[in-house]
C-alpha atoms as a PDB file:
ATOM      1  CA  MET A   1     -43.222  31.634  24.360  1.00  0.00           C
ATOM      2  CA  ASN A   2     -42.249  28.985  21.844  1.00  0.00           C
ATOM      3  CA  LYS A   3     -42.591  26.447  24.427  1.00  0.00           C
ATOM      4  CA  LEU A   4     -46.035  27.680  25.606  1.00  0.00           C
ATOM      5  CA  LEU A   5     -47.017  27.719  22.130  1.00  0.00           C
ATOM      6  CA  ILE A   6     -46.058  24.066  21.169  1.00  0.00           C
ATOM      7  CA  LEU A   7     -47.591  22.757  24.519  1.00  0.00           C
ATOM      8  CA  LEU A   8     -51.025  24.518  23.830  1.00  0.00           C
ATOM      9  CA  LEU A   9     -50.882  23.365  20.004  1.00  0.00           C
ATOM     10  CA  ALA A  10     -49.852  19.667  21.292  1.00  0.00           C
ATOM     11  CA  ALA A  11     -52.906  19.917  23.937  1.00  0.00           C
ATOM     12  CA  LEU A  12     -55.517  20.899  20.989  1.00  0.00           C
ATOM     13  CA  LEU A  13     -54.254  18.113  18.565  1.00  0.00           C
ATOM     14  CA  VAL A  14     -56.357  14.768  18.603  1.00  0.00           C
ATOM     15  CA  GLN A  15     -54.466  11.685  18.302  1.00  0.00           C
ATOM     16  CA  ILE A  16     -53.615   9.690  15.251  1.00  0.00           C
ATOM     17  CA  SER A  17     -53.784   6.055  15.737  1.00  0.00           C
ATOM     18  CA  SER A  18     -50.267   5.051  16.045  1.00  0.00           C
ATOM     19  CA  ALA A  19     -48.023   2.946  18.699  1.00  0.00           C
ATOM     20  CA  ILE A  20     -44.934   3.331  17.018  1.00  0.00           C
ATOM     21  CA  SER A  21     -42.556   6.515  17.357  1.00  0.00           C
ATOM     22  CA  LEU A  22     -39.299   7.796  15.965  1.00  0.00           C
ATOM     23  CA  GLY A  23     -36.455   5.873  16.908  1.00  0.00           C
ATOM     24  CA  ASP A  24     -38.836   2.900  17.899  1.00  0.00           C
ATOM     25  CA  THR A  25     -37.684  -0.689  16.278  1.00  0.00           C
ATOM     26  CA  MET A  26     -39.911  -2.075  13.646  1.00  0.00           C
ATOM     27  CA  ASN A  27     -40.152  -5.005  11.527  1.00  0.00           C
ATOM     28  CA  GLN A  28     -42.613  -7.387  10.176  1.00  0.00           C
ATOM     29  CA  GLU A  29     -43.287  -9.242  13.374  1.00  0.00           C
ATOM     30  CA  ILE A  30     -43.716  -5.653  15.575  1.00  0.00           C
ATOM     31  CA  ALA A  31     -45.920  -4.570  12.812  1.00  0.00           C
ATOM     32  CA  ALA A  32     -48.487  -7.429  12.825  1.00  0.00           C
ATOM     33  CA  GLN A  33     -48.498  -6.909  16.961  1.00  0.00           C
ATOM     34  CA  THR A  34     -49.630  -3.191  16.260  1.00  0.00           C
ATOM     35  CA  ASN A  35     -52.605  -4.335  14.148  1.00  0.00           C
ATOM     36  CA  THR A  36     -56.334  -3.652  15.719  1.00  0.00           C
ATOM     37  CA  ALA A  37     -59.585  -3.979  14.604  1.00  0.00           C
ATOM     38  CA  THR A  38     -59.427  -0.619  13.370  1.00  0.00           C
ATOM     39  CA  SER A  39     -56.149  -0.179  12.120  1.00  0.00           C
ATOM     40  CA  VAL A  40     -53.798  -2.449  10.025  1.00  0.00           C
ATOM     41  CA  THR A  41     -49.647  -2.069   9.449  1.00  0.00           C
ATOM     42  CA  LYS A  42     -47.950  -3.678   6.788  1.00  0.00           C
ATOM     43  CA  LEU A  43     -44.731  -3.749   4.873  1.00  0.00           C
ATOM     44  CA  THR A  44     -45.310  -2.090   1.554  1.00  0.00           C
ATOM     45  CA  ASP A  45     -41.815  -1.963   0.009  1.00  0.00           C
ATOM     46  CA  VAL A  46     -38.261  -3.205   0.753  1.00  0.00           C
ATOM     47  CA  LYS A  47     -35.144  -1.136  -0.760  1.00  0.00           C
ATOM     48  CA  SER A  48     -31.668  -2.031  -0.264  1.00  0.00           C
ATOM     49  CA  LYS A  49     -31.126   0.717   2.716  1.00  0.00           C
ATOM     50  CA  TYR A  50     -34.677   1.064   3.992  1.00  0.00           C
ATOM     51  CA  SER A  51     -38.093  -0.490   4.294  1.00  0.00           C
ATOM     52  CA  THR A  52     -41.789   1.038   3.956  1.00  0.00           C
ATOM     53  CA  PHE A  53     -44.350   0.234   6.363  1.00  0.00           C
ATOM     54  CA  VAL A  54     -47.900   1.578   6.367  1.00  0.00           C
ATOM     55  CA  THR A  55     -50.771   1.827   8.787  1.00  0.00           C
ATOM     56  CA  THR A  56     -54.113   2.166   7.409  1.00  0.00           C
ATOM     57  CA  SER A  57     -57.021   3.124   9.579  1.00  0.00           C
ATOM     58  CA  ALA A  58     -60.765   4.649   8.853  1.00  0.00           C
ATOM     59  CA  THR A  59     -59.256   8.167   9.035  1.00  0.00           C
ATOM     60  CA  GLY A  60     -56.178   7.820   7.418  1.00  0.00           C
ATOM     61  CA  ASN A  61     -52.749   6.532   6.670  1.00  0.00           C
ATOM     62  CA  THR A  62     -49.335   6.685   8.361  1.00  0.00           C
ATOM     63  CA  THR A  63     -46.058   5.613   6.725  1.00  0.00           C
ATOM     64  CA  PHE A  64     -42.975   4.403   8.559  1.00  0.00           C
ATOM     65  CA  LEU A  65     -39.649   4.381   6.876  1.00  0.00           C
ATOM     66  CA  VAL A  66     -37.057   1.856   8.661  1.00  0.00           C
ATOM     67  CA  ASN A  67     -33.443   1.836   8.318  1.00  0.00           C
ATOM     68  CA  ASN A  68     -32.728  -1.843   7.421  1.00  0.00           C
ATOM     69  CA  LYS A  69     -29.393  -1.820   9.044  1.00  0.00           C
ATOM     70  CA  THR A  70     -30.761  -0.863  12.574  1.00  0.00           C
ATOM     71  CA  ASN A  71     -34.634  -1.515  12.309  1.00  0.00           C
ATOM     72  CA  LYS A  72     -35.092   1.905  13.609  1.00  0.00           C
ATOM     73  CA  VAL A  73     -38.059   4.092  12.440  1.00  0.00           C
ATOM     74  CA  TYR A  74     -36.220   7.346  11.090  1.00  0.00           C
ATOM     75  CA  SER A  75     -39.196   8.824   9.304  1.00  0.00           C
ATOM     76  CA  ILE A  76     -43.097   9.032   9.700  1.00  0.00           C
ATOM     77  CA  SER A  77     -45.489  10.583   7.622  1.00  0.00           C
ATOM     78  CA  TRP A  78     -49.253  10.895   7.984  1.00  0.00           C
ATOM     79  CA  GLN A  79     -52.367  11.908   6.020  1.00  0.00           C
ATOM     80  CA  ASP A  80     -55.490  11.848   8.274  1.00  0.00           C
ATOM     81  CA  ASN A  81     -58.604  13.546   9.227  1.00  0.00           C
ATOM     82  CA  GLN A  82     -56.978  14.274  12.683  1.00  0.00           C
ATOM     83  CA  ALA A  83     -53.678  16.002  13.768  1.00  0.00           C
ATOM     84  CA  ALA A  84     -51.064  13.793  15.102  1.00  0.00           C
ATOM     85  CA  ASP A  85     -50.132  13.500  18.881  1.00  0.00           C
ATOM     86  CA  LEU A  86     -47.095  15.062  18.501  1.00  0.00           C
ATOM     87  CA  GLN A  87     -45.540  13.228  21.816  1.00  0.00           C
ATOM     88  CA  ALA A  88     -46.660   9.948  20.439  1.00  0.00           C
ATOM     89  CA  VAL A  89     -45.185  10.506  16.917  1.00  0.00           C
ATOM     90  CA  LEU A  90     -41.819  11.919  18.175  1.00  0.00           C
ATOM     91  CA  GLY A  91     -41.590   9.633  21.382  1.00  0.00           C
ATOM     92  CA  LYS A  92     -37.911  10.352  22.795  1.00  0.00           C
ATOM     93  CA  TYR A  93     -37.350  13.096  20.283  1.00  0.00           C
ATOM     94  CA  TYR A  94     -40.343  15.395  21.666  1.00  0.00           C
ATOM     95  CA  PRO A  95     -37.999  17.185  24.231  1.00  0.00           C
ATOM     96  CA  GLU A  96     -35.788  17.915  21.111  1.00  0.00           C
ATOM     97  CA  PHE A  97     -38.825  19.401  19.207  1.00  0.00           C
ATOM     98  CA  GLN A  98     -40.018  21.448  22.207  1.00  0.00           C
ATOM     99  CA  ASN A  99     -36.339  23.070  22.528  1.00  0.00           C
ATOM    100  CA  ALA A 100     -36.015  23.568  18.879  1.00  0.00           C
ATOM    101  CA  GLY A 101     -38.650  25.894  18.570  1.00  0.00           C
ATOM    102  CA  ILE A 102     -40.847  26.604  15.537  1.00  0.00           C
ATOM    103  CA  LYS A 103     -39.115  28.016  12.595  1.00  0.00           C
ATOM    104  CA  LYS A 104     -42.079  28.971  10.667  1.00  0.00           C
ATOM    105  CA  ARG A 105     -45.786  28.932  11.796  1.00  0.00           C
ATOM    106  CA  ILE A 106     -48.804  29.974   9.664  1.00  0.00           C
ATOM    107  CA  PRO A 107     -51.571  30.281  12.223  1.00  0.00           C
ATOM    108  CA  LEU A 108     -53.996  27.553  12.437  1.00  0.00           C
ATOM    109  CA  ARG A 109     -52.364  26.058   9.080  1.00  0.00           C
ATOM    110  CA  ALA A 110     -48.581  25.002   9.480  1.00  0.00           C
ATOM    111  CA  ILE A 111     -45.869  24.390  11.704  1.00  0.00           C
ATOM    112  CA  THR A 112     -42.327  23.747  10.342  1.00  0.00           C
ATOM    113  CA  VAL A 113     -39.352  22.665  12.525  1.00  0.00           C
ATOM    114  CA  ASP A 114     -35.791  21.921  11.398  1.00  0.00           C
ATOM    115  CA  ASP A 115     -32.880  21.942  14.233  1.00  0.00           C
ATOM    116  CA  GLY A 116     -30.221  20.012  12.014  1.00  0.00           C
ATOM    117  CA  ASP A 117     -31.129  16.520  13.182  1.00  0.00           C
ATOM    118  CA  LEU A 118     -34.991  16.511  13.642  1.00  0.00           C
ATOM    119  CA  THR A 119     -37.490  17.967  11.053  1.00  0.00           C
ATOM    120  CA  PHE A 120     -41.063  18.247  11.579  1.00  0.00           C
ATOM    121  CA  SER A 121     -43.759  19.577   9.485  1.00  0.00           C
ATOM    122  CA  GLN A 122     -47.684  19.570   9.661  1.00  0.00           C
ATOM    123  CA  PHE A 123     -50.322  21.521   7.807  1.00  0.00           C
ATOM    124  CA  GLY A 124     -53.896  21.297   7.130  1.00  0.00           C
ATOM    125  CA  SER A 125     -56.885  21.734   9.194  1.00  0.00           C
ATOM    126  CA  MET A 126     -59.685  19.645  10.729  1.00  0.00           C
ATOM    127  CA  LEU A 127     -61.975  19.989   7.803  1.00  0.00           C
ATOM    128  CA  SER A 128     -59.822  19.316   5.101  1.00  0.00           C
ATOM    129  CA  GLY A 129     -57.435  17.069   6.632  1.00  0.00           C
ATOM    130  CA  VAL A 130     -53.879  17.080   8.004  1.00  0.00           C
ATOM    131  CA  GLN A 131     -50.785  16.039   6.709  1.00  0.00           C
ATOM    132  CA  GLY A 132     -47.386  15.941   8.092  1.00  0.00           C
ATOM    133  CA  SER A 133     -43.945  14.368   8.138  1.00  0.00           C
ATOM    134  CA  THR A 134     -40.984  14.014  10.704  1.00  0.00           C
ATOM    135  CA  THR A 135     -37.346  12.690  10.079  1.00  0.00           C
ATOM    136  CA  VAL A 136     -34.550  12.183  12.371  1.00  0.00           C
ATOM    137  CA  ARG A 137     -31.510  12.736  10.085  1.00  0.00           C
ATOM    138  CA  SER A 138     -28.997  10.758  12.297  1.00  0.00           C
ATOM    139  CA  LEU A 139     -31.250   7.490  12.359  1.00  0.00           C
ATOM    140  CA  ALA A 140     -31.481   7.605   8.530  1.00  0.00           C
ATOM    141  CA  PRO A 141     -29.460   5.195   6.199  1.00  0.00           C
ATOM    142  CA  GLN A 142     -26.105   6.844   5.011  1.00  0.00           C
ATOM    143  CA  GLU A 143     -25.569   7.395   1.556  1.00  0.00           C
END
């Protein structure tokens, strides 16, 4: 039942413009290659353990946190007029998301998943805008 619900939700969601998924490699060169006429990705902050990239489009913003040691995207958050394409955002972690099952669901408002390594949360509506975030703990910089 949970898998069917997730598939139905994914089918109803509209894509955000993002070519980068969890676990993908990201650096300034790749960020520049993802720029289009309707969206721009740029490095906005560099800390000792991670870097922050932001994609700005006409409909909203997507933020990528990248582990400086591995250059892997370990966290993605978005605020947009449209819901995220879960398969595009989660990339190779999408099957893990499907198998985790929804931990908390408020109909038509919020979805929360936490399977220990992968966390996902999305809330809002097409009228008020959609916000969400997802993180893979095993990719994050270690303390």
